[in-house]
Amino acid sequence: MPTYEYLCQACQEQFEVFQRVTEPPVTTCRLCGGGPVRKLISRVGVIFKGPGFHVNDYRKPDARRDADEKASTTSSTTKSDSTATATAGAN
């Protein structure tokens, strides 16, 4: 059941109410018994589960170096392959 926070306009006290989504909002203060109340927007706790959160989002420090080495090796191979193809095509 959701927890809603309210602020009493008369006594300026905040209070929480556990109520169903389908229930009408509270109209009187539960602490002083009077005054109109206003529903507050409050923070919620969120828990992310599964792959892709925190642990998987951060690479190891060596990952960038490994990726750079792999990219330079691939580009060197591509250059030598294109040179060999151009030389073979000229013959």
PDB file of N, CA and C in Angstrom:
ATOM      1  N   MET A   1       0.836  -1.166   0.000  1.00  0.00           N
ATOM      2  CA  MET A   1       0.000   0.000   0.000  1.00  0.00           C
ATOM      3  C   MET A   1       0.894   1.247   0.000  1.00  0.00           C
ATOM      4  N   PRO A   2       0.564   2.241  -0.807  1.00  0.00           N
ATOM      5  CA  PRO A   2       1.392   3.453  -0.864  1.00  0.00           C
ATOM      6  C   PRO A   2       1.315   4.276   0.423  1.00  0.00           C
ATOM      7  N   THR A   3       2.387   4.978   0.690  1.00  0.00           N
ATOM      8  CA  THR A   3       2.440   5.908   1.807  1.00  0.00           C
ATOM      9  C   THR A   3       2.365   7.314   1.236  1.00  0.00           C
ATOM     10  N   TYR A   4       1.405   8.095   1.705  1.00  0.00           N
ATOM     11  CA  TYR A   4       1.251   9.474   1.250  1.00  0.00           C
ATOM     12  C   TYR A   4       1.612  10.413   2.382  1.00  0.00           C
ATOM     13  N   GLU A   5       2.270  11.506   2.041  1.00  0.00           N
ATOM     14  CA  GLU A   5       2.617  12.526   3.026  1.00  0.00           C
ATOM     15  C   GLU A   5       1.685  13.713   2.850  1.00  0.00           C
ATOM     16  N   TYR A   6       1.247  14.253   3.973  1.00  0.00           N
ATOM     17  CA  TYR A   6       0.359  15.405   3.965  1.00  0.00           C
ATOM     18  C   TYR A   6       0.942  16.491   4.852  1.00  0.00           C
ATOM     19  N   LEU A   7       0.583  17.743   4.557  1.00  0.00           N
ATOM     20  CA  LEU A   7       0.978  18.897   5.360  1.00  0.00           C
ATOM     21  C   LEU A   7      -0.287  19.607   5.799  1.00  0.00           C
ATOM     22  N   CYS A   8      -0.430  19.792   7.112  1.00  0.00           N
ATOM     23  CA  CYS A   8      -1.598  20.494   7.649  1.00  0.00           C
ATOM     24  C   CYS A   8      -1.391  21.997   7.479  1.00  0.00           C
ATOM     25  N   GLN A   9      -2.378  22.669   6.919  1.00  0.00           N
ATOM     26  CA  GLN A   9      -2.289  24.119   6.718  1.00  0.00           C
ATOM     27  C   GLN A   9      -2.453  24.874   8.041  1.00  0.00           C
ATOM     28  N   ALA A  10      -3.129  24.279   9.038  1.00  0.00           N
ATOM     29  CA  ALA A  10      -3.371  24.944  10.315  1.00  0.00           C
ATOM     30  C   ALA A  10      -2.161  24.838  11.254  1.00  0.00           C
ATOM     31  N   CYS A  11      -1.674  23.620  11.490  1.00  0.00           N
ATOM     32  CA  CYS A  11      -0.584  23.440  12.459  1.00  0.00           C
ATOM     33  C   CYS A  11       0.788  23.266  11.810  1.00  0.00           C
ATOM     34  N   GLN A  12       0.854  23.229  10.475  1.00  0.00           N
ATOM     35  CA  GLN A  12       2.103  23.106   9.716  1.00  0.00           C
ATOM     36  C   GLN A  12       2.882  21.824  10.028  1.00  0.00           C
ATOM     37  N   GLU A  13       2.193  20.802  10.494  1.00  0.00           N
ATOM     38  CA  GLU A  13       2.829  19.516  10.770  1.00  0.00           C
ATOM     39  C   GLU A  13       2.666  18.588   9.577  1.00  0.00           C
ATOM     40  N   GLN A  14       3.681  17.771   9.358  1.00  0.00           N
ATOM     41  CA  GLN A  14       3.613  16.763   8.300  1.00  0.00           C
ATOM     42  C   GLN A  14       3.272  15.423   8.927  1.00  0.00           C
ATOM     43  N   PHE A  15       2.495  14.631   8.206  1.00  0.00           N
ATOM     44  CA  PHE A  15       2.185  13.287   8.664  1.00  0.00           C
ATOM     45  C   PHE A  15       2.027  12.371   7.466  1.00  0.00           C
ATOM     46  N   GLU A  16       2.201  11.078   7.727  1.00  0.00           N
ATOM     47  CA  GLU A  16       2.103  10.070   6.675  1.00  0.00           C
ATOM     48  C   GLU A  16       0.848   9.237   6.876  1.00  0.00           C
ATOM     49  N   VAL A  17       0.266   8.812   5.762  1.00  0.00           N
ATOM     50  CA  VAL A  17      -0.921   7.967   5.801  1.00  0.00           C
ATOM     51  C   VAL A  17      -0.721   6.820   4.818  1.00  0.00           C
ATOM     52  N   PHE A  18      -0.950   5.594   5.299  1.00  0.00           N
ATOM     53  CA  PHE A  18      -0.951   4.425   4.417  1.00  0.00           C
ATOM     54  C   PHE A  18      -2.368   4.272   3.897  1.00  0.00           C
ATOM     55  N   GLN A  19      -2.549   4.418   2.597  1.00  0.00           N
ATOM     56  CA  GLN A  19      -3.882   4.264   2.040  1.00  0.00           C
ATOM     57  C   GLN A  19      -3.812   3.721   0.629  1.00  0.00           C
ATOM     58  N   ARG A  20      -4.887   3.089   0.230  1.00  0.00           N
ATOM     59  CA  ARG A  20      -4.968   2.529  -1.111  1.00  0.00           C
ATOM     60  C   ARG A  20      -5.034   3.654  -2.136  1.00  0.00           C
ATOM     61  N   VAL A  21      -4.654   3.342  -3.357  1.00  0.00           N
ATOM     62  CA  VAL A  21      -4.698   4.319  -4.440  1.00  0.00           C
ATOM     63  C   VAL A  21      -6.143   4.733  -4.707  1.00  0.00           C
ATOM     64  N   THR A  22      -7.072   3.815  -4.512  1.00  0.00           N
ATOM     65  CA  THR A  22      -8.487   4.084  -4.808  1.00  0.00           C
ATOM     66  C   THR A  22      -9.196   4.866  -3.708  1.00  0.00           C
ATOM     67  N   GLU A  23      -8.590   5.008  -2.528  1.00  0.00           N
ATOM     68  CA  GLU A  23      -9.215   5.753  -1.432  1.00  0.00           C
ATOM     69  C   GLU A  23      -9.147   7.252  -1.706  1.00  0.00           C
ATOM     70  N   PRO A  24     -10.154   7.997  -1.232  1.00  0.00           N
ATOM     71  CA  PRO A  24     -10.109   9.459  -1.408  1.00  0.00           C
ATOM     72  C   PRO A  24      -9.004  10.062  -0.537  1.00  0.00           C
ATOM     73  N   PRO A  25      -8.443  11.200  -0.947  1.00  0.00           N
ATOM     74  CA  PRO A  25      -7.376  11.822  -0.151  1.00  0.00           C
ATOM     75  C   PRO A  25      -7.895  12.305   1.206  1.00  0.00           C
ATOM     76  N   VAL A  26      -6.987  12.389   2.171  1.00  0.00           N
ATOM     77  CA  VAL A  26      -7.321  12.866   3.509  1.00  0.00           C
ATOM     78  C   VAL A  26      -7.644  14.352   3.428  1.00  0.00           C
ATOM     79  N   THR A  27      -8.657  14.798   4.187  1.00  0.00           N
ATOM     80  CA  THR A  27      -9.047  16.214   4.137  1.00  0.00           C
ATOM     81  C   THR A  27      -8.812  16.944   5.454  1.00  0.00           C
ATOM     82  N   THR A  28      -8.662  16.205   6.571  1.00  0.00           N
ATOM     83  CA  THR A  28      -8.419  16.843   7.861  1.00  0.00           C
ATOM     84  C   THR A  28      -7.133  16.305   8.473  1.00  0.00           C
ATOM     85  N   CYS A  29      -6.527  17.114   9.306  1.00  0.00           N
ATOM     86  CA  CYS A  29      -5.268  16.755   9.951  1.00  0.00           C
ATOM     87  C   CYS A  29      -5.505  15.680  11.004  1.00  0.00           C
ATOM     88  N   ARG A  30      -4.682  14.668  10.996  1.00  0.00           N
ATOM     89  CA  ARG A  30      -4.806  13.590  11.983  1.00  0.00           C
ATOM     90  C   ARG A  30      -4.125  13.967  13.299  1.00  0.00           C
ATOM     91  N   LEU A  31      -3.339  15.028  13.301  1.00  0.00           N
ATOM     92  CA  LEU A  31      -2.631  15.432  14.511  1.00  0.00           C
ATOM     93  C   LEU A  31      -3.422  16.462  15.314  1.00  0.00           C
ATOM     94  N   CYS A  32      -3.912  17.517  14.649  1.00  0.00           N
ATOM     95  CA  CYS A  32      -4.654  18.558  15.365  1.00  0.00           C
ATOM     96  C   CYS A  32      -6.166  18.427  15.165  1.00  0.00           C
ATOM     97  N   GLY A  33      -6.586  17.625  14.202  1.00  0.00           N
ATOM     98  CA  GLY A  33      -8.011  17.400  13.984  1.00  0.00           C
ATOM     99  C   GLY A  33      -8.704  18.473  13.162  1.00  0.00           C
ATOM    100  N   GLY A  34      -8.007  19.462  12.727  1.00  0.00           N
ATOM    101  CA  GLY A  34      -8.647  20.531  11.958  1.00  0.00           C
ATOM    102  C   GLY A  34      -7.815  20.914  10.762  1.00  0.00           C
ATOM    103  N   GLY A  35      -8.208  22.023  10.189  1.00  0.00           N
ATOM    104  CA  GLY A  35      -7.460  22.588   9.073  1.00  0.00           C
ATOM    105  C   GLY A  35      -7.429  21.739   7.828  1.00  0.00           C
ATOM    106  N   PRO A  36      -7.392  22.388   6.688  1.00  0.00           N
ATOM    107  CA  PRO A  36      -7.245  21.637   5.442  1.00  0.00           C
ATOM    108  C   PRO A  36      -5.818  21.089   5.331  1.00  0.00           C
ATOM    109  N   VAL A  37      -5.675  19.991   4.646  1.00  0.00           N
ATOM    110  CA  VAL A  37      -4.353  19.404   4.447  1.00  0.00           C
ATOM    111  C   VAL A  37      -4.028  19.382   2.964  1.00  0.00           C
ATOM    112  N   ARG A  38      -2.741  19.369   2.682  1.00  0.00           N
ATOM    113  CA  ARG A  38      -2.272  19.348   1.296  1.00  0.00           C
ATOM    114  C   ARG A  38      -1.379  18.129   1.118  1.00  0.00           C
ATOM    115  N   LYS A  39      -1.602  17.386   0.042  1.00  0.00           N
ATOM    116  CA  LYS A  39      -0.779  16.206  -0.239  1.00  0.00           C
ATOM    117  C   LYS A  39       0.573  16.677  -0.763  1.00  0.00           C
ATOM    118  N   LEU A  40       1.637  16.112  -0.215  1.00  0.00           N
ATOM    119  CA  LEU A  40       2.991  16.477  -0.623  1.00  0.00           C
ATOM    120  C   LEU A  40       3.540  15.458  -1.607  1.00  0.00           C
ATOM    121  N   ILE A  41       4.435  15.910  -2.437  1.00  0.00           N
ATOM    122  CA  ILE A  41       5.146  15.009  -3.333  1.00  0.00           C
ATOM    123  C   ILE A  41       6.390  14.561  -2.583  1.00  0.00           C
ATOM    124  N   SER A  42       6.543  13.271  -2.437  1.00  0.00           N
ATOM    125  CA  SER A  42       7.673  12.768  -1.660  1.00  0.00           C
ATOM    126  C   SER A  42       8.538  11.838  -2.488  1.00  0.00           C
ATOM    127  N   ARG A  43       9.726  11.587  -1.980  1.00  0.00           N
ATOM    128  CA  ARG A  43      10.669  10.699  -2.659  1.00  0.00           C
ATOM    129  C   ARG A  43      10.233   9.252  -2.484  1.00  0.00           C
ATOM    130  N   VAL A  44      10.659   8.444  -3.412  1.00  0.00           N
ATOM    131  CA  VAL A  44      10.367   7.016  -3.323  1.00  0.00           C
ATOM    132  C   VAL A  44      11.670   6.232  -3.417  1.00  0.00           C
ATOM    133  N   GLY A  45      11.669   5.086  -2.809  1.00  0.00           N
ATOM    134  CA  GLY A  45      12.829   4.208  -2.894  1.00  0.00           C
ATOM    135  C   GLY A  45      12.696   3.300  -4.100  1.00  0.00           C
ATOM    136  N   VAL A  46      13.744   3.231  -4.894  1.00  0.00           N
ATOM    137  CA  VAL A  46      13.726   2.391  -6.085  1.00  0.00           C
ATOM    138  C   VAL A  46      14.912   1.442  -6.023  1.00  0.00           C
ATOM    139  N   ILE A  47      14.660   0.181  -6.282  1.00  0.00           N
ATOM    140  CA  ILE A  47      15.731  -0.811  -6.304  1.00  0.00           C
ATOM    141  C   ILE A  47      15.782  -1.407  -7.699  1.00  0.00           C
ATOM    142  N   PHE A  48      16.918  -1.260  -8.363  1.00  0.00           N
ATOM    143  CA  PHE A  48      17.100  -1.821  -9.696  1.00  0.00           C
ATOM    144  C   PHE A  48      17.750  -3.188  -9.554  1.00  0.00           C
ATOM    145  N   LYS A  49      17.142  -4.173 -10.179  1.00  0.00           N
ATOM    146  CA  LYS A  49      17.691  -5.523 -10.129  1.00  0.00           C
ATOM    147  C   LYS A  49      17.958  -6.007 -11.539  1.00  0.00           C
ATOM    148  N   GLY A  50      18.863  -6.943 -11.647  1.00  0.00           N
ATOM    149  CA  GLY A  50      19.142  -7.524 -12.951  1.00  0.00           C
ATOM    150  C   GLY A  50      20.403  -6.954 -13.563  1.00  0.00           C
ATOM    151  N   PRO A  51      20.746  -7.442 -14.743  1.00  0.00           N
ATOM    152  CA  PRO A  51      21.974  -6.985 -15.399  1.00  0.00           C
ATOM    153  C   PRO A  51      21.834  -5.555 -15.918  1.00  0.00           C
ATOM    154  N   GLY A  52      22.947  -4.870 -15.978  1.00  0.00           N
ATOM    155  CA  GLY A  52      22.948  -3.529 -16.546  1.00  0.00           C
ATOM    156  C   GLY A  52      22.924  -2.410 -15.531  1.00  0.00           C
ATOM    157  N   PHE A  53      22.898  -2.717 -14.257  1.00  0.00           N
ATOM    158  CA  PHE A  53      22.848  -1.669 -13.253  1.00  0.00           C
ATOM    159  C   PHE A  53      24.113  -1.678 -12.411  1.00  0.00           C
ATOM    160  N   HIS A  54      24.715  -0.570 -12.264  1.00  0.00           N
ATOM    161  CA  HIS A  54      25.881  -0.272 -11.450  1.00  0.00           C
ATOM    162  C   HIS A  54      27.087  -1.170 -11.735  1.00  0.00           C
ATOM    163  N   VAL A  55      27.041  -2.407 -11.350  1.00  0.00           N
ATOM    164  CA  VAL A  55      28.205  -3.283 -11.506  1.00  0.00           C
ATOM    165  C   VAL A  55      28.567  -3.433 -12.977  1.00  0.00           C
ATOM    166  N   ASN A  56      27.579  -3.605 -13.821  1.00  0.00           N
ATOM    167  CA  ASN A  56      27.841  -3.809 -15.239  1.00  0.00           C
ATOM    168  C   ASN A  56      28.039  -2.501 -15.999  1.00  0.00           C
ATOM    169  N   ASP A  57      27.626  -1.381 -15.413  1.00  0.00           N
ATOM    170  CA  ASP A  57      27.739  -0.101 -16.103  1.00  0.00           C
ATOM    171  C   ASP A  57      29.151   0.464 -16.089  1.00  0.00           C
ATOM    172  N   TYR A  58      29.977   0.017 -15.192  1.00  0.00           N
ATOM    173  CA  TYR A  58      31.316   0.563 -15.072  1.00  0.00           C
ATOM    174  C   TYR A  58      32.335  -0.463 -15.553  1.00  0.00           C
ATOM    175  N   ARG A  59      33.160  -0.037 -16.492  1.00  0.00           N
ATOM    176  CA  ARG A  59      34.182  -0.944 -17.016  1.00  0.00           C
ATOM    177  C   ARG A  59      35.365  -1.000 -16.072  1.00  0.00           C
ATOM    178  N   LYS A  60      36.133  -2.044 -16.222  1.00  0.00           N
ATOM    179  CA  LYS A  60      37.369  -2.164 -15.464  1.00  0.00           C
ATOM    180  C   LYS A  60      38.354  -1.141 -16.015  1.00  0.00           C
ATOM    181  N   PRO A  61      39.307  -0.672 -15.214  1.00  0.00           N
ATOM    182  CA  PRO A  61      40.269   0.327 -15.688  1.00  0.00           C
ATOM    183  C   PRO A  61      41.040  -0.115 -16.931  1.00  0.00           C
ATOM    184  N   ASP A  62      41.306  -1.407 -17.083  1.00  0.00           N
ATOM    185  CA  ASP A  62      42.069  -1.904 -18.227  1.00  0.00           C
ATOM    186  C   ASP A  62      41.229  -2.011 -19.491  1.00  0.00           C
ATOM    187  N   ALA A  63      39.925  -1.914 -19.390  1.00  0.00           N
ATOM    188  CA  ALA A  63      39.051  -2.134 -20.545  1.00  0.00           C
ATOM    189  C   ALA A  63      39.321  -1.122 -21.657  1.00  0.00           C
ATOM    190  N   ARG A  64      39.543   0.131 -21.328  1.00  0.00           N
ATOM    191  CA  ARG A  64      39.795   1.148 -22.356  1.00  0.00           C
ATOM    192  C   ARG A  64      41.125   0.881 -23.058  1.00  0.00           C
ATOM    193  N   ARG A  65      42.149   0.549 -22.279  1.00  0.00           N
ATOM    194  CA  ARG A  65      43.460   0.262 -22.861  1.00  0.00           C
ATOM    195  C   ARG A  65      43.356  -0.940 -23.791  1.00  0.00           C
ATOM    196  N   ASP A  66      42.646  -1.984 -23.359  1.00  0.00           N
ATOM    197  CA  ASP A  66      42.479  -3.179 -24.191  1.00  0.00           C
ATOM    198  C   ASP A  66      41.720  -2.850 -25.469  1.00  0.00           C
ATOM    199  N   ALA A  67      40.697  -2.013 -25.358  1.00  0.00           N
ATOM    200  CA  ALA A  67      39.912  -1.630 -26.534  1.00  0.00           C
ATOM    201  C   ALA A  67      40.765  -0.816 -27.505  1.00  0.00           C
ATOM    202  N   ASP A  68      41.610   0.089 -26.979  1.00  0.00           N
ATOM    203  CA  ASP A  68      42.486   0.896 -27.837  1.00  0.00           C
ATOM    204  C   ASP A  68      43.504   0.017 -28.562  1.00  0.00           C
ATOM    205  N   GLU A  69      44.059  -0.963 -27.834  1.00  0.00           N
ATOM    206  CA  GLU A  69      45.028  -1.871 -28.458  1.00  0.00           C
ATOM    207  C   GLU A  69      44.363  -2.702 -29.550  1.00  0.00           C
ATOM    208  N   LYS A  70      43.161  -3.163 -29.290  1.00  0.00           N
ATOM    209  CA  LYS A  70      42.441  -3.972 -30.275  1.00  0.00           C
ATOM    210  C   LYS A  70      42.122  -3.134 -31.510  1.00  0.00           C
ATOM    211  N   ALA A  71      41.727  -1.876 -31.313  1.00  0.00           N
ATOM    212  CA  ALA A  71      41.402  -0.992 -32.435  1.00  0.00           C
ATOM    213  C   ALA A  71      42.647  -0.701 -33.272  1.00  0.00           C
ATOM    214  N   SER A  72      43.782  -0.463 -32.622  1.00  0.00           N
ATOM    215  CA  SER A  72      45.000  -0.169 -33.386  1.00  0.00           C
ATOM    216  C   SER A  72      45.478  -1.405 -34.144  1.00  0.00           C
ATOM    217  N   THR A  73      45.316  -2.580 -33.566  1.00  0.00           N
ATOM    218  CA  THR A  73      45.691  -3.824 -34.244  1.00  0.00           C
ATOM    219  C   THR A  73      44.794  -4.044 -35.453  1.00  0.00           C
ATOM    220  N   THR A  74      43.507  -3.797 -35.300  1.00  0.00           N
ATOM    221  CA  THR A  74      42.550  -3.970 -36.394  1.00  0.00           C
ATOM    222  C   THR A  74      42.833  -2.991 -37.521  1.00  0.00           C
ATOM    223  N   SER A  75      43.134  -1.725 -37.198  1.00  0.00           N
ATOM    224  CA  SER A  75      43.402  -0.742 -38.245  1.00  0.00           C
ATOM    225  C   SER A  75      44.713  -1.058 -38.965  1.00  0.00           C
ATOM    226  N   SER A  76      45.720  -1.577 -38.252  1.00  0.00           N
ATOM    227  CA  SER A  76      46.984  -1.963 -38.891  1.00  0.00           C
ATOM    228  C   SER A  76      46.759  -3.114 -39.853  1.00  0.00           C
ATOM    229  N   THR A  77      45.959  -4.086 -39.447  1.00  0.00           N
ATOM    230  CA  THR A  77      45.661  -5.237 -40.289  1.00  0.00           C
ATOM    231  C   THR A  77      44.893  -4.790 -41.525  1.00  0.00           C
ATOM    232  N   THR A  78      43.949  -3.890 -41.359  1.00  0.00           N
ATOM    233  CA  THR A  78      43.155  -3.393 -42.482  1.00  0.00           C
ATOM    234  C   THR A  78      44.038  -2.648 -43.470  1.00  0.00           C
ATOM    235  N   LYS A  79      44.974  -1.836 -42.978  1.00  0.00           N
ATOM    236  CA  LYS A  79      45.866  -1.093 -43.865  1.00  0.00           C
ATOM    237  C   LYS A  79      46.760  -2.042 -44.649  1.00  0.00           C
ATOM    238  N   SER A  80      47.318  -3.049 -43.988  1.00  0.00           N
ATOM    239  CA  SER A  80      48.208  -3.977 -44.683  1.00  0.00           C
ATOM    240  C   SER A  80      47.426  -4.821 -45.675  1.00  0.00           C
ATOM    241  N   ASP A  81      46.173  -5.179 -45.355  1.00  0.00           N
ATOM    242  CA  ASP A  81      45.339  -5.939 -46.286  1.00  0.00           C
ATOM    243  C   ASP A  81      45.014  -5.114 -47.524  1.00  0.00           C
ATOM    244  N   SER A  82      44.692  -3.849 -47.345  1.00  0.00           N
ATOM    245  CA  SER A  82      44.347  -3.012 -48.496  1.00  0.00           C
ATOM    246  C   SER A  82      45.582  -2.746 -49.361  1.00  0.00           C
ATOM    247  N   THR A  83      46.762  -2.622 -48.746  1.00  0.00           N
ATOM    248  CA  THR A  83      47.997  -2.435 -49.501  1.00  0.00           C
ATOM    249  C   THR A  83      48.308  -3.686 -50.306  1.00  0.00           C
ATOM    250  N   ALA A  84      48.132  -4.849 -49.694  1.00  0.00           N
ATOM    251  CA  ALA A  84      48.395  -6.112 -50.386  1.00  0.00           C
ATOM    252  C   ALA A  84      47.417  -6.294 -51.535  1.00  0.00           C
ATOM    253  N   THR A  85      46.171  -5.933 -51.358  1.00  0.00           N
ATOM    254  CA  THR A  85      45.159  -6.054 -52.406  1.00  0.00           C
ATOM    255  C   THR A  85      45.471  -5.110 -53.559  1.00  0.00           C
ATOM    256  N   ALA A  86      45.887  -3.883 -53.246  1.00  0.00           N
ATOM    257  CA  ALA A  86      46.219  -2.907 -54.282  1.00  0.00           C
ATOM    258  C   ALA A  86      47.436  -3.370 -55.075  1.00  0.00           C
ATOM    259  N   THR A  87      48.432  -3.936 -54.389  1.00  0.00           N
ATOM    260  CA  THR A  87      49.636  -4.430 -55.053  1.00  0.00           C
ATOM    261  C   THR A  87      49.298  -5.622 -55.944  1.00  0.00           C
ATOM    262  N   ALA A  88      48.453  -6.529 -55.467  1.00  0.00           N
ATOM    263  CA  ALA A  88      48.068  -7.710 -56.247  1.00  0.00           C
ATOM    264  C   ALA A  88      47.233  -7.305 -57.451  1.00  0.00           C
ATOM    265  N   GLY A  89      46.413  -6.280 -57.309  1.00  0.00           N
ATOM    266  CA  GLY A  89      45.577  -5.812 -58.416  1.00  0.00           C
ATOM    267  C   GLY A  89      46.394  -5.136 -59.494  1.00  0.00           C
ATOM    268  N   ALA A  90      47.531  -4.536 -59.129  1.00  0.00           N
ATOM    269  CA  ALA A  90      48.383  -3.848 -60.092  1.00  0.00           C
ATOM    270  C   ALA A  90      49.165  -4.842 -60.940  1.00  0.00           C
ATOM    271  N   ASN A  91      49.391  -6.038 -60.456  1.00  0.00           N
ATOM    272  CA  ASN A  91      50.179  -7.043 -61.188  1.00  0.00           C
ATOM    273  C   ASN A  91      49.381  -7.677 -62.208  1.00  0.00           C
TER     274      ASN A  91
END
